[in-house]
Amino acid sequence: MNNKMPTKQTCILTASLFALTACGNPAATEIKPTQPIAVTNIDQINQQHSLRFSGVVESQNRASLAFRVPGTLQQIMFNQGEHVKAGQVIAQLDPHDFQVRVNELKARLIEAKASLQQAENELKRTQAANKDKAIADVNVERAKTGVARAQAGVEVVSLNLQQAEDSLRYTQLTAPFDGVIGKRNFDNFEQVTPGIGFVTIHQPQSIQAVIDISESLLSEVYRGQQAIISSADTEQTLVGQISEITTIADPIKRTYSATIKIEQGGELYYPGKVINARINPTEQSAATYCVPSSAIFTVDQQTHVSKVESATVKMMPVELIRAGLDTSCIQGSFTGNESIIIAGAAFLDDGADASNIVDLGMTK
């Protein structure tokens, strides 16, 4: 017979298939959790956006000293890092040639004064002879000219002597104020050229910071503005005020410089140290909030942010006040207690589920 009864193996196989199908049904209907949404509370965000700049610490009183005359270094009285008092001699050039010049001009001055005395005596004799009609008036005029010439000779030699004495004095380099020898560019017995910096003297206890400001932020910075100085390798911060702002941009960096005067320095801040300066710009409206730039997106040429309200995404149109690389400032209909989506807001539709949120707090 062709019709055969189902075998025992066939029944077992059929039952196994039904069992596998029944086990697979729950996996097919399992609901996946929503993607976590990163948010931050608007009340945790500083309404006053801080501008940040990099710069370097400098001494408030700093001078590069140079000799005014050429010569060979004969003696260096102070080494780098040593303290000096105002008026103390820092270094001495060989004064021999300058001393010889002074001695020569002193001798010439004696000679010029003798010539003047002789001319004056000659004038007296000619005037007496002219009074007795013994000589003509022209001789008196010549004698007067001789006296004037001799007087001019004395004046010229006196000025040359003063110049030579000044040059002799310039062979000594003195400190203009109390300070520390920060750097020396020459060693003993080397030839020195006038006008070339020999040493740098400064007062490391009185410091200031110089920062670079881009053209776009120049209008936000003004004299008298407070600045907070910090450094990556220390938790100590300093407070200063902007005292100077350049009005001509650096020809290479195309940035402007601002000087921050620091009234009370710190031991961990020294000239040459790289610092960061945080400055609060001009006052903003109370409705202005500064949020991470990643929270802002554009839809149909309108700036938006998305907030979480009743576990759903709600888009809000805002006005962009200031755009920054990390932080941007906006204005909108905020109550001051919203949770703003700070990552991927542009990819979330209005009304989307936002039950799975991660509060990242305030972003610095």
Protein backbone atom coordinates (compact mmCIF):
# COMPACT_ATOMS: atom_id res chain seq x y z
CA MET A 1 0.00 0.00 0.00
CA ASN A 2 1.20 3.52 -0.86
CA ASN A 3 -0.50 5.27 2.10
CA LYS A 4 1.66 4.77 5.12
CA MET A 5 0.96 5.69 8.68
CA PRO A 6 3.17 8.47 10.17
CA THR A 7 6.21 7.02 11.71
CA LYS A 8 7.32 7.72 15.26
CA GLN A 9 10.27 9.82 14.02
CA THR A 10 7.97 12.06 11.96
CA CYS A 11 5.80 12.85 14.96
CA ILE A 12 8.78 13.73 17.10
CA LEU A 13 10.17 16.10 14.41
CA THR A 14 6.81 17.85 14.04
CA ALA A 15 6.52 18.36 17.77
CA SER A 16 10.02 19.82 17.93
CA LEU A 17 9.25 22.38 15.23
CA PHE A 18 6.17 23.55 17.13
CA ALA A 19 8.22 23.90 20.29
CA LEU A 20 10.90 25.99 18.55
CA THR A 21 8.26 28.25 17.04
CA ALA A 22 6.66 28.79 20.42
CA CYS A 23 10.01 29.70 22.02
CA GLY A 24 10.82 32.29 19.30
CA ASN A 25 7.63 34.32 19.64
CA PRO A 26 8.61 36.34 22.78
CA ALA A 27 11.93 37.52 21.20
CA ALA A 28 10.11 38.80 18.13
CA THR A 29 7.77 40.98 20.20
CA GLU A 30 10.35 42.34 22.75
CA ILE A 31 10.43 46.18 22.93
CA LYS A 32 13.92 47.74 22.69
CA PRO A 33 14.78 50.55 25.14
CA THR A 34 15.09 54.08 23.78
CA GLN A 35 18.54 55.57 23.12
CA PRO A 36 19.82 57.58 26.14
CA ILE A 37 19.50 61.34 25.64
CA ALA A 38 22.14 63.63 27.16
CA VAL A 39 20.68 66.75 28.77
CA THR A 40 21.72 69.54 31.10
CA ASN A 41 19.54 71.81 33.19
CA ILE A 42 19.34 75.42 32.10
CA ASP A 43 19.51 76.61 35.71
CA GLN A 44 22.92 74.97 36.04
CA ILE A 45 24.35 76.95 33.15
CA ASN A 46 26.04 80.25 33.88
CA GLN A 47 24.09 83.08 32.34
CA GLN A 48 27.28 85.13 32.04
CA HIS A 49 29.43 83.56 29.35
CA SER A 50 33.15 83.74 30.11
CA LEU A 51 35.62 84.54 27.37
CA ARG A 52 38.82 82.52 27.60
CA PHE A 53 42.22 83.58 26.29
CA SER A 54 45.73 82.22 26.46
CA GLY A 55 48.75 84.29 27.36
CA VAL A 56 52.01 84.48 29.23
CA VAL A 57 53.15 86.01 32.51
CA GLU A 58 55.56 88.95 32.41
CA SER A 59 57.15 91.24 34.98
CA GLN A 60 55.48 94.62 35.35
CA ASN A 61 58.90 96.30 35.66
CA ARG A 62 61.26 94.87 33.09
CA ALA A 63 64.12 96.42 31.14
CA SER A 64 66.65 95.18 28.62
CA LEU A 65 69.90 97.00 29.40
CA ALA A 66 72.58 97.70 26.80
CA PHE A 67 75.89 99.55 26.76
CA ARG A 68 75.94 102.91 25.00
CA VAL A 69 79.54 102.54 23.85
CA PRO A 70 81.45 99.64 22.25
CA GLY A 71 84.18 97.80 24.08
CA THR A 72 85.46 94.61 25.64
CA LEU A 73 83.84 93.26 28.79
CA GLN A 74 86.33 93.56 31.62
CA GLN A 75 84.24 92.52 34.61
CA ILE A 76 80.74 91.18 35.31
CA MET A 77 79.64 91.91 38.86
CA PHE A 78 76.36 89.94 38.99
CA ASN A 79 75.26 86.56 37.68
CA GLN A 80 71.86 85.56 36.39
CA GLY A 81 69.26 85.26 39.14
CA GLU A 82 71.07 87.56 41.57
CA HIS A 83 69.44 90.63 43.12
CA VAL A 84 70.77 94.12 42.40
CA LYS A 85 70.01 97.53 43.86
CA ALA A 86 69.30 100.66 41.85
CA GLY A 87 72.57 102.34 40.87
CA GLN A 88 74.78 99.29 41.38
CA VAL A 89 77.28 98.53 38.60
CA ILE A 90 76.31 95.35 36.77
CA ALA A 91 79.22 95.15 34.32
CA GLN A 92 82.33 97.12 33.32
CA LEU A 93 83.95 97.58 29.90
CA ASP A 94 87.68 98.12 29.47
CA PRO A 95 87.96 101.91 30.06
CA HIS A 96 91.54 102.37 28.80
CA ASP A 97 90.83 103.97 25.41
CA PHE A 98 88.13 106.20 26.86
CA GLN A 99 90.40 107.34 29.70
CA VAL A 100 93.14 108.22 27.21
CA ARG A 101 90.67 110.31 25.23
CA VAL A 102 89.60 112.16 28.39
CA ASN A 103 93.22 112.90 29.32
CA GLU A 104 93.95 114.15 25.81
CA LEU A 105 91.00 116.54 25.84
CA LYS A 106 91.90 117.83 29.27
CA ALA A 107 95.31 118.78 27.89
CA ARG A 108 93.72 120.42 24.86
CA LEU A 109 91.41 122.37 27.13
CA ILE A 110 94.43 123.75 28.99
CA GLU A 111 95.96 124.70 25.66
CA ALA A 112 92.73 126.37 24.48
CA LYS A 113 92.44 128.37 27.69
CA ALA A 114 96.05 129.50 27.31
CA SER A 115 95.31 130.62 23.76
CA LEU A 116 92.30 132.53 25.04
CA GLN A 117 94.43 134.25 27.68
CA GLN A 118 96.98 135.21 25.06
CA ALA A 119 94.27 136.60 22.77
CA GLU A 120 92.80 138.66 25.59
CA ASN A 121 96.25 140.09 26.46
CA GLU A 122 96.80 140.92 22.80
CA LEU A 123 93.47 142.73 22.69
CA LYS A 124 94.43 144.85 25.71
CA ARG A 125 97.75 145.87 24.11
CA THR A 126 96.15 146.81 20.80
CA GLN A 127 93.45 148.81 22.54
CA ALA A 128 96.08 150.73 24.54
CA ALA A 129 98.15 151.38 21.42
CA ASN A 130 95.07 152.48 19.49
CA LYS A 131 94.21 154.89 22.28
CA ASP A 132 97.58 156.54 21.79
CA LYS A 133 97.01 156.54 18.01
CA ALA A 134 99.97 154.19 17.61
CA ILE A 135 98.08 151.57 15.52
CA ALA A 136 95.08 151.58 13.28
CA ASP A 137 91.57 150.57 14.32
CA VAL A 138 91.73 147.48 12.09
CA ASN A 139 94.31 145.94 14.42
CA VAL A 140 91.89 146.28 17.32
CA GLU A 141 89.17 144.52 15.33
CA ARG A 142 91.56 141.69 14.48
CA ALA A 143 92.44 141.31 18.17
CA LYS A 144 88.76 141.13 19.09
CA THR A 145 88.24 138.43 16.45
CA GLY A 146 91.17 136.49 17.91
CA VAL A 147 89.59 136.58 21.36
CA ALA A 148 86.24 135.36 20.00
CA ARG A 149 87.97 132.55 18.12
CA ALA A 150 89.87 131.52 21.24
CA GLN A 151 86.69 131.54 23.32
CA ALA A 152 84.99 129.30 20.75
CA GLY A 153 87.98 126.96 20.86
CA VAL A 154 87.64 126.63 24.63
CA GLU A 155 83.91 125.92 24.27
CA VAL A 156 84.46 123.23 21.61
CA VAL A 157 87.14 121.45 23.62
CA SER A 158 84.99 121.65 26.77
CA LEU A 159 82.07 120.00 24.97
CA ASN A 160 84.33 117.31 23.52
CA LEU A 161 85.72 116.68 27.00
CA GLN A 162 82.21 116.36 28.40
CA GLN A 163 81.34 113.86 25.67
CA ALA A 164 84.49 111.87 26.38
CA GLU A 165 83.76 111.82 30.12
CA ASP A 166 80.22 110.63 29.38
CA SER A 167 81.61 107.84 27.19
CA LEU A 168 83.98 106.86 29.99
CA ARG A 169 81.04 106.75 32.38
CA TYR A 170 79.06 104.65 29.90
CA THR A 171 81.66 101.87 30.22
CA GLN A 172 79.81 101.01 33.43
CA LEU A 173 76.33 99.49 33.13
CA THR A 174 74.20 100.28 36.20
CA ALA A 175 70.82 98.99 37.40
CA PRO A 176 67.97 101.49 36.86
CA PHE A 177 65.87 99.96 39.67
CA ASP A 178 65.93 97.23 42.30
CA GLY A 179 65.45 93.86 40.67
CA VAL A 180 66.82 90.51 39.58
CA ILE A 181 69.15 89.73 36.69
CA GLY A 182 66.83 87.63 34.55
CA LYS A 183 69.09 86.90 31.58
CA ARG A 184 72.60 87.78 30.38
CA ASN A 185 73.52 87.62 26.69
CA PHE A 186 77.32 88.08 26.89
CA ASP A 187 80.18 86.51 28.82
CA ASN A 188 83.26 88.18 30.20
CA PHE A 189 85.96 89.40 27.75
CA GLU A 190 83.55 89.39 24.81
CA GLN A 191 83.20 92.36 22.49
CA VAL A 192 80.03 94.36 23.12
CA THR A 193 78.16 96.41 20.53
CA PRO A 194 76.20 99.48 21.67
CA GLY A 195 72.44 99.09 21.63
CA ILE A 196 72.53 95.29 21.78
CA GLY A 197 70.85 93.93 24.92
CA PHE A 198 73.41 92.84 27.49
CA VAL A 199 71.18 91.84 30.43
CA THR A 200 67.48 91.82 31.25
CA ILE A 201 66.57 93.05 34.72
CA HIS A 202 63.08 92.62 36.14
CA GLN A 203 61.02 92.43 39.31
CA PRO A 204 59.50 88.92 39.40
CA GLN A 205 57.38 89.70 42.46
CA SER A 206 55.34 92.23 40.43
CA ILE A 207 53.75 90.39 37.52
CA GLN A 208 51.25 90.95 34.76
CA ALA A 209 49.74 88.76 32.06
CA VAL A 210 49.68 89.51 28.34
CA ILE A 211 46.96 87.78 26.31
CA ASP A 212 46.08 87.63 22.61
CA ILE A 213 42.59 88.74 21.54
CA SER A 214 41.05 88.02 18.16
CA GLU A 215 39.44 90.84 16.21
CA SER A 216 35.94 89.38 16.67
CA LEU A 217 36.23 89.53 20.48
CA LEU A 218 38.01 92.88 20.76
CA SER A 219 34.75 94.75 21.38
CA GLU A 220 34.03 92.53 24.40
CA VAL A 221 37.21 93.54 26.24
CA TYR A 222 37.82 96.93 27.84
CA ARG A 223 40.16 98.59 30.34
CA GLY A 224 39.33 98.00 33.99
CA GLN A 225 37.67 94.66 33.26
CA GLN A 226 38.34 91.91 35.79
CA ALA A 227 40.16 88.76 34.70
CA ILE A 228 40.75 85.43 36.45
CA ILE A 229 44.21 83.96 35.79
CA SER A 230 44.71 80.19 35.97
CA SER A 231 47.20 77.57 34.87
CA ALA A 232 46.91 73.90 33.98
CA ASP A 233 49.52 72.76 36.51
CA THR A 234 48.12 74.50 39.61
CA GLU A 235 44.76 75.10 41.26
CA GLN A 236 45.86 78.55 42.44
CA THR A 237 44.12 81.40 40.62
CA LEU A 238 44.95 85.11 40.51
CA VAL A 239 42.73 88.14 40.01
CA GLY A 240 43.74 91.06 37.81
CA GLN A 241 42.40 93.95 35.79
CA ILE A 242 43.00 94.85 32.16
CA SER A 243 45.24 97.92 32.11
CA GLU A 244 46.23 98.19 28.43
CA ILE A 245 44.81 97.11 25.06
CA THR A 246 46.74 97.55 21.83
CA THR A 247 44.94 99.07 18.86
CA ILE A 248 47.27 97.71 16.17
CA ALA A 249 47.16 94.01 15.34
CA ASP A 250 50.24 91.82 15.36
CA PRO A 251 51.46 91.59 11.73
CA ILE A 252 51.89 87.81 11.94
CA LYS A 253 49.27 86.52 14.38
CA ARG A 254 46.69 89.18 13.43
CA THR A 255 45.61 89.42 17.05
CA TYR A 256 45.55 92.26 19.55
CA SER A 257 47.29 92.21 22.91
CA ALA A 258 45.85 93.09 26.29
CA THR A 259 47.83 93.52 29.50
CA ILE A 260 46.30 92.27 32.74
CA LYS A 261 47.82 93.89 35.81
CA ILE A 262 47.93 91.54 38.79
CA GLU A 263 48.01 93.30 42.14
CA GLN A 264 48.95 90.27 44.24
CA GLY A 265 51.03 87.57 42.59
CA GLY A 266 51.48 83.95 43.53
CA GLU A 267 54.57 81.86 44.09
CA LEU A 268 53.54 79.46 41.33
CA TYR A 269 53.23 82.22 38.72
CA TYR A 270 56.52 83.49 37.35
CA PRO A 271 57.60 85.39 34.22
CA GLY A 272 57.37 83.21 31.13
CA LYS A 273 54.66 80.92 32.51
CA VAL A 274 51.80 80.10 30.11
CA ILE A 275 48.40 80.97 31.58
CA ASN A 276 44.70 81.07 30.76
CA ALA A 277 42.61 84.17 31.38
CA ARG A 278 38.85 84.10 31.92
CA ILE A 279 37.04 87.38 31.33
CA ASN A 280 33.35 88.13 31.65
CA PRO A 281 32.18 90.16 28.64
CA THR A 282 29.81 93.09 28.68
CA GLU A 283 26.54 92.58 30.56
CA GLN A 284 23.99 90.33 28.90
CA SER A 285 20.22 90.26 29.16
CA ALA A 286 18.69 88.16 31.94
CA ALA A 287 17.06 86.07 29.20
CA THR A 288 20.43 85.15 27.72
CA TYR A 289 21.82 81.70 28.46
CA CYS A 290 25.07 80.15 27.34
CA VAL A 291 24.82 76.48 26.39
CA PRO A 292 27.12 73.93 24.76
CA SER A 293 27.32 74.66 21.04
CA SER A 294 26.36 71.04 20.33
CA ALA A 295 22.85 71.78 21.65
CA ILE A 296 22.11 74.29 18.88
CA PHE A 297 20.87 73.31 15.42
CA THR A 298 19.13 75.03 12.50
CA VAL A 299 15.82 74.15 10.85
CA ASP A 300 14.64 76.20 7.86
CA GLN A 301 17.19 78.91 8.64
CA GLN A 302 15.86 79.23 12.21
CA THR A 303 18.07 78.43 15.19
CA HIS A 304 16.61 75.87 17.60
CA VAL A 305 17.35 73.90 20.72
CA SER A 306 15.40 70.91 21.99
CA LYS A 307 14.23 70.49 25.55
CA VAL A 308 12.72 67.56 27.40
CA GLU A 309 9.17 68.20 28.59
CA SER A 310 6.90 65.48 30.00
CA ALA A 311 9.30 62.78 28.73
CA THR A 312 9.03 64.05 25.14
CA VAL A 313 11.23 66.14 22.86
CA LYS A 314 10.05 69.69 22.26
CA MET A 315 11.84 71.98 19.80
CA MET A 316 12.25 75.64 20.75
CA PRO A 317 13.18 78.48 18.39
CA VAL A 318 15.93 80.67 19.85
CA GLU A 319 18.03 83.66 18.82
CA LEU A 320 21.77 83.14 18.58
CA ILE A 321 23.51 85.97 20.44
CA ARG A 322 27.10 84.75 20.32
CA ALA A 323 28.56 81.66 18.66
CA GLY A 324 31.60 79.91 20.06
CA LEU A 325 33.53 76.74 19.41
CA ASP A 326 32.51 75.12 22.71
CA THR A 327 29.86 77.44 24.13
CA SER A 328 27.28 79.68 22.47
CA CYS A 329 24.82 82.17 23.95
CA ILE A 330 21.14 82.22 23.04
CA GLN A 331 17.90 83.97 23.94
CA GLY A 332 14.49 82.33 24.01
CA SER A 333 11.33 81.65 25.99
CA PHE A 334 13.11 79.99 28.90
CA THR A 335 11.70 79.71 32.41
CA GLY A 336 15.15 78.95 33.81
CA ASN A 337 14.40 75.32 34.72
CA GLU A 338 14.46 73.48 31.39
CA SER A 339 16.43 70.36 30.53
CA ILE A 340 18.23 71.06 27.25
CA ILE A 341 19.35 68.24 24.97
CA ILE A 342 23.05 68.78 24.34
CA ALA A 343 23.87 65.90 21.98
CA GLY A 344 22.07 64.77 18.82
CA ALA A 345 19.14 67.16 19.18
CA ALA A 346 19.05 67.73 15.43
CA PHE A 347 18.27 64.03 14.88
CA LEU A 348 15.31 63.90 17.29
CA ASP A 349 11.87 64.74 15.97
CA ASP A 350 9.54 67.07 17.80
CA GLY A 351 7.39 64.94 20.11
CA ALA A 352 9.78 61.97 20.14
CA ASP A 353 10.04 59.83 23.27
CA ALA A 354 12.60 61.16 25.76
CA SER A 355 12.03 58.96 28.77
CA ASN A 356 15.62 57.66 28.85
CA ILE A 357 17.68 60.74 29.72
CA VAL A 358 21.15 61.20 31.17
CA ASP A 359 21.66 64.45 33.10
CA LEU A 360 25.23 65.66 32.49
CA GLY A 361 24.87 68.69 34.75
CA MET A 362 26.72 71.92 33.99
CA THR A 363 29.18 71.84 31.13
CA LYS A 364 32.22 73.93 31.88
